[in-house]
Amino acid sequence: LAVAKTQSDRVRSKLWRTDVVGIADFARPSWEPRLHFANLENGTVRSFLLAHGKGSDLGHTGWLQNFSSQNGSLATSRGAYLTCEWYTGKYGTSIRLVGLDPDNSTALDRLIVMHSAWYVDPGMIPKWGKIGRSDGCFAMNQTDFNEALWHLSGGRLLFADRIV
């Protein structure tokens, strides 16, 4: 909640809504819930599985090794994102993201979005010890992604980094 409040205050002028903040904590491995929906109005936090980009974990260890905002890197970028409108893409309904920091300013050009994906199914963990990787997008399990559609889209903050 403290990180959500600090980051929300930092980019408040660019946000449309400040009730819920998404915090992607890439200090945690992919087999643990690491996307947190922090409700700043009632002080609650809900946590979900979240994939990172293939370019951020070349050995597919389940740990994010590096961030990148380079086109073609297939990596996850750190920083503050504005969640925008829904649209229908390769993975169905998705949430467009606009990077608000220098470290993720290429997000829109790179087509970095939030979407659901089969490879984030919790059933992957007992079988493989981790979930799959995206092309740099914030991919969630389908059921969990429905929560993002209703509670995180529409002008809210998604902040990604290694939170320690």
Protein backbone atom coordinates (compact mmCIF):
# COMPACT_ATOMS: atom_id res chain seq x y z
CA LEU A 1 0.00 0.00 0.00
CA ALA A 2 2.85 2.39 0.79
CA VAL A 3 4.46 1.88 -2.65
CA ALA A 4 1.06 2.30 -4.32
CA LYS A 5 0.44 5.58 -2.50
CA THR A 6 3.94 6.94 -3.19
CA GLN A 7 3.81 6.10 -6.91
CA SER A 8 0.23 7.33 -7.27
CA ASP A 9 1.19 10.65 -5.70
CA ARG A 10 4.24 10.90 -8.00
CA VAL A 11 2.21 10.65 -11.24
CA ARG A 12 -1.19 11.81 -9.94
CA SER A 13 -1.56 14.58 -12.54
CA LYS A 14 -1.47 11.95 -15.33
CA LEU A 15 -4.00 9.56 -13.76
CA TRP A 16 -7.73 9.61 -14.34
CA ARG A 17 -8.57 7.48 -11.29
CA THR A 18 -6.60 6.94 -8.07
CA ASP A 19 -8.72 4.45 -6.12
CA VAL A 20 -6.85 1.25 -7.14
CA VAL A 21 -3.17 0.93 -8.09
CA GLY A 22 -1.55 -2.13 -9.66
CA ILE A 23 1.92 -2.98 -8.35
CA ALA A 24 3.94 -5.54 -10.34
CA ASP A 25 6.68 -6.73 -7.97
CA PHE A 26 9.30 -8.41 -10.12
CA ALA A 27 11.54 -9.10 -7.12
CA ARG A 28 9.28 -12.15 -6.69
CA PRO A 29 9.44 -15.28 -8.90
CA SER A 30 6.75 -16.12 -11.44
CA TRP A 31 5.40 -19.01 -9.36
CA GLU A 32 4.28 -16.57 -6.64
CA PRO A 33 1.55 -13.94 -6.89
CA ARG A 34 3.36 -10.71 -7.74
CA LEU A 35 0.77 -8.40 -9.21
CA HIS A 36 -0.96 -6.60 -6.37
CA PHE A 37 -4.14 -4.54 -6.66
CA ALA A 38 -3.82 -2.00 -3.86
CA ASN A 39 -7.13 -0.36 -3.00
CA LEU A 40 -6.13 3.01 -1.59
CA GLU A 41 -9.69 3.78 -0.50
CA ASN A 42 -10.26 0.78 1.78
CA GLY A 43 -6.66 -0.34 2.46
CA THR A 44 -6.96 -3.84 0.97
CA VAL A 45 -4.58 -5.70 -1.34
CA ARG A 46 -5.38 -8.59 -3.69
CA SER A 47 -2.56 -10.51 -5.38
CA PHE A 48 -2.34 -12.44 -8.66
CA LEU A 49 0.10 -14.39 -10.85
CA LEU A 50 1.80 -12.28 -13.54
CA ALA A 51 4.11 -13.20 -16.42
CA HIS A 52 7.22 -11.27 -17.38
CA GLY A 53 8.79 -10.98 -20.83
CA LYS A 54 10.93 -13.63 -22.52
CA GLY A 55 13.67 -11.04 -23.03
CA SER A 56 13.77 -10.42 -19.28
CA ASP A 57 14.49 -14.10 -18.50
CA LEU A 58 16.36 -15.72 -21.39
CA GLY A 59 17.01 -18.94 -19.45
CA HIS A 60 13.34 -19.23 -18.42
CA THR A 61 14.23 -19.50 -14.73
CA GLY A 62 10.99 -17.92 -13.51
CA TRP A 63 12.90 -14.87 -12.24
CA LEU A 64 12.99 -11.54 -14.07
CA GLN A 65 16.69 -10.88 -14.77
CA ASN A 66 16.55 -7.51 -16.52
CA PHE A 67 14.24 -4.76 -17.75
CA SER A 68 14.37 -3.22 -21.22
CA SER A 69 12.34 -0.74 -23.22
CA GLN A 70 14.10 -1.49 -26.52
CA ASN A 71 11.94 -2.44 -29.51
CA GLY A 72 12.25 -6.14 -30.24
CA SER A 73 13.68 -6.97 -26.81
CA LEU A 74 10.61 -9.00 -25.72
CA ALA A 75 11.45 -7.73 -22.23
CA THR A 76 9.37 -6.20 -19.49
CA SER A 77 9.90 -2.50 -18.77
CA ARG A 78 9.91 -0.91 -15.33
CA GLY A 79 8.07 2.23 -14.32
CA ALA A 80 4.62 3.80 -14.13
CA TYR A 81 1.97 2.99 -16.74
CA LEU A 82 -1.39 4.59 -17.34
CA THR A 83 -4.03 1.92 -17.96
CA CYS A 84 -6.22 3.01 -20.85
CA GLU A 85 -9.11 1.59 -22.82
CA TRP A 86 -10.02 -2.00 -23.59
CA TYR A 87 -9.54 -3.31 -27.11
CA THR A 88 -9.68 -6.70 -28.81
CA GLY A 89 -6.30 -8.11 -29.88
CA LYS A 90 -4.38 -11.37 -30.31
CA TYR A 91 -5.27 -12.50 -26.77
CA GLY A 92 -8.85 -11.21 -26.82
CA THR A 93 -9.86 -8.26 -24.68
CA SER A 94 -6.75 -6.38 -23.56
CA ILE A 95 -5.88 -3.13 -21.78
CA ARG A 96 -3.77 -0.59 -23.62
CA LEU A 97 -0.87 0.88 -21.55
CA VAL A 98 0.96 4.19 -21.86
CA GLY A 99 4.42 4.41 -20.28
CA LEU A 100 4.81 7.46 -18.05
CA ASP A 101 8.53 7.16 -17.25
CA PRO A 102 11.71 7.25 -19.38
CA ASP A 103 12.23 3.52 -18.68
CA ASN A 104 8.90 2.56 -20.29
CA SER A 105 8.12 5.44 -22.65
CA THR A 106 8.16 3.07 -25.65
CA ALA A 107 5.33 0.87 -24.27
CA LEU A 108 2.69 2.13 -26.69
CA ASP A 109 5.00 1.73 -29.73
CA ARG A 110 6.07 -1.73 -28.51
CA LEU A 111 2.42 -2.75 -28.03
CA ILE A 112 3.03 -3.55 -24.36
CA VAL A 113 -0.42 -4.20 -22.87
CA MET A 114 -2.22 -6.17 -20.16
CA HIS A 115 -3.92 -9.32 -21.42
CA SER A 116 -4.94 -12.80 -20.40
CA ALA A 117 -2.90 -15.80 -21.50
CA TRP A 118 -3.12 -19.58 -21.21
CA TYR A 119 0.51 -19.77 -20.05
CA VAL A 120 -0.31 -17.97 -16.79
CA ASP A 121 -2.61 -20.76 -15.62
CA PRO A 122 -1.83 -21.82 -12.01
CA GLY A 123 -1.77 -25.44 -13.25
CA MET A 124 1.59 -24.68 -14.90
CA ILE A 125 3.30 -24.35 -11.51
CA PRO A 126 3.01 -27.97 -10.28
CA LYS A 127 3.99 -29.22 -13.75
CA TRP A 128 6.83 -26.82 -14.65
CA GLY A 129 7.64 -25.01 -11.40
CA LYS A 130 6.78 -21.62 -12.93
CA ILE A 131 4.41 -19.95 -15.36
CA GLY A 132 5.19 -19.02 -18.95
CA ARG A 133 6.60 -15.77 -20.32
CA SER A 134 5.08 -13.03 -22.48
CA ASP A 135 6.61 -10.89 -25.22
CA GLY A 136 7.04 -8.11 -22.64
CA CYS A 137 3.36 -7.68 -21.81
CA PHE A 138 1.69 -7.95 -18.41
CA ALA A 139 -0.08 -11.30 -18.88
CA MET A 140 -2.47 -12.77 -16.33
CA ASN A 141 -4.65 -15.85 -15.94
CA GLN A 142 -8.03 -15.36 -17.68
CA THR A 143 -10.09 -15.36 -14.47
CA ASP A 144 -7.72 -12.94 -12.77
CA PHE A 145 -7.59 -10.74 -15.85
CA ASN A 146 -11.33 -10.16 -15.59
CA GLU A 147 -10.53 -8.49 -12.24
CA ALA A 148 -8.03 -6.23 -14.02
CA LEU A 149 -10.62 -5.26 -16.60
CA TRP A 150 -13.02 -4.09 -13.92
CA HIS A 151 -10.67 -2.80 -11.23
CA LEU A 152 -7.44 -1.62 -12.89
CA SER A 153 -8.32 -0.29 -16.35
CA GLY A 154 -9.67 3.10 -17.25
CA GLY A 155 -6.97 5.57 -16.27
CA ARG A 156 -5.42 3.96 -13.20
CA LEU A 157 -1.77 3.35 -12.37
CA LEU A 158 0.15 0.15 -13.00
CA PHE A 159 3.65 0.38 -11.52
CA ALA A 160 6.33 -2.22 -12.29
CA ASP A 161 9.73 -2.67 -10.66
CA ARG A 162 11.65 -4.84 -8.24
CA ILE A 163 10.03 -3.88 -4.94
CA VAL A 164 12.22 -4.68 -1.95
